[in-house]
C-alpha atoms as a PDB file:
ATOM      1  CA  MET A   1       0.000   0.000   0.000  1.00  0.00           C
ATOM      2  CA  ALA A   2       2.873   2.365   0.759  1.00  0.00           C
ATOM      3  CA  ALA A   3       4.208   1.898  -2.764  1.00  0.00           C
ATOM      4  CA  ARG A   4       0.787   2.598  -4.281  1.00  0.00           C
ATOM      5  CA  MET A   5       0.508   5.744  -2.149  1.00  0.00           C
ATOM      6  CA  LYS A   6       4.086   6.731  -3.035  1.00  0.00           C
ATOM      7  CA  THR A   7       4.890   7.157   0.648  1.00  0.00           C
ATOM      8  CA  SER A   8       6.737   5.361   3.414  1.00  0.00           C
ATOM      9  CA  ARG A   9       5.590   2.326   5.322  1.00  0.00           C
ATOM     10  CA  ALA A  10       5.794   4.435   8.499  1.00  0.00           C
ATOM     11  CA  ALA A  11       3.255   6.861   7.011  1.00  0.00           C
ATOM     12  CA  VAL A  12       0.879   3.978   6.303  1.00  0.00           C
ATOM     13  CA  ASP A  13       1.389   2.701   9.851  1.00  0.00           C
ATOM     14  CA  ARG A  14       0.429   6.141  11.187  1.00  0.00           C
ATOM     15  CA  LEU A  15      -2.633   6.178   8.927  1.00  0.00           C
ATOM     16  CA  LEU A  16      -3.776   2.817  10.267  1.00  0.00           C
ATOM     17  CA  ASP A  17      -3.118   3.757  13.909  1.00  0.00           C
ATOM     18  CA  ALA A  18      -6.546   4.363  15.459  1.00  0.00           C
ATOM     19  CA  SER A  19      -5.020   6.525  18.200  1.00  0.00           C
ATOM     20  CA  ASN A  20      -3.463   8.927  15.651  1.00  0.00           C
ATOM     21  CA  SER A  21      -5.862  11.828  15.214  1.00  0.00           C
ATOM     22  CA  SER A  22      -3.591  13.885  12.949  1.00  0.00           C
ATOM     23  CA  VAL A  23      -4.345  12.161   9.636  1.00  0.00           C
ATOM     24  CA  THR A  24      -4.746  14.742   6.876  1.00  0.00           C
ATOM     25  CA  LEU A  25      -7.350  14.711   4.130  1.00  0.00           C
ATOM     26  CA  ASN A  26      -4.511  14.531   1.620  1.00  0.00           C
ATOM     27  CA  THR A  27      -3.189  11.318   3.190  1.00  0.00           C
ATOM     28  CA  LEU A  28      -6.671   9.873   3.420  1.00  0.00           C
ATOM     29  CA  GLY A  29      -7.202  10.694  -0.257  1.00  0.00           C
ATOM     30  CA  LYS A  30      -3.957   8.962  -1.231  1.00  0.00           C
ATOM     31  CA  ALA A  31      -4.996   5.867   0.704  1.00  0.00           C
ATOM     32  CA  ALA A  32      -8.412   5.859  -0.940  1.00  0.00           C
ATOM     33  CA  ARG A  33      -6.905   6.166  -4.436  1.00  0.00           C
ATOM     34  CA  ALA A  34      -4.468   3.338  -3.635  1.00  0.00           C
ATOM     35  CA  LEU A  35      -7.520   1.181  -2.944  1.00  0.00           C
ATOM     36  CA  GLY A  36      -9.427   2.379  -6.002  1.00  0.00           C
ATOM     37  CA  ARG A  37     -11.828   4.432  -3.908  1.00  0.00           C
ATOM     38  CA  LYS A  38     -12.741   8.081  -3.312  1.00  0.00           C
ATOM     39  CA  VAL A  39     -13.188  10.011  -0.093  1.00  0.00           C
ATOM     40  CA  LYS A  40     -16.626  11.538   0.298  1.00  0.00           C
ATOM     41  CA  ILE A  41     -17.209  14.131   2.986  1.00  0.00           C
ATOM     42  CA  GLU A  42     -20.766  15.172   3.625  1.00  0.00           C
ATOM     43  CA  LEU A  43     -22.128  17.864   5.902  1.00  0.00           C
ATOM     44  CA  VAL A  44     -25.523  16.975   7.286  1.00  0.00           C
ATOM     45  CA  PRO A  45     -27.954  18.852   9.540  1.00  0.00           C
ATOM     46  CA  ALA A  46     -27.222  18.454  13.233  1.00  0.00           C
END
């Protein structure tokens, strides 16, 4: 997955770490594209 994202294995480990709350949208987008997916963010009424 790191190769598909063109990043390090450590970056993928951080992405998959549930306790890491500093994942950026850019990194999430790279991961999604590596899996053939898209990120969809939706704002809904509270």
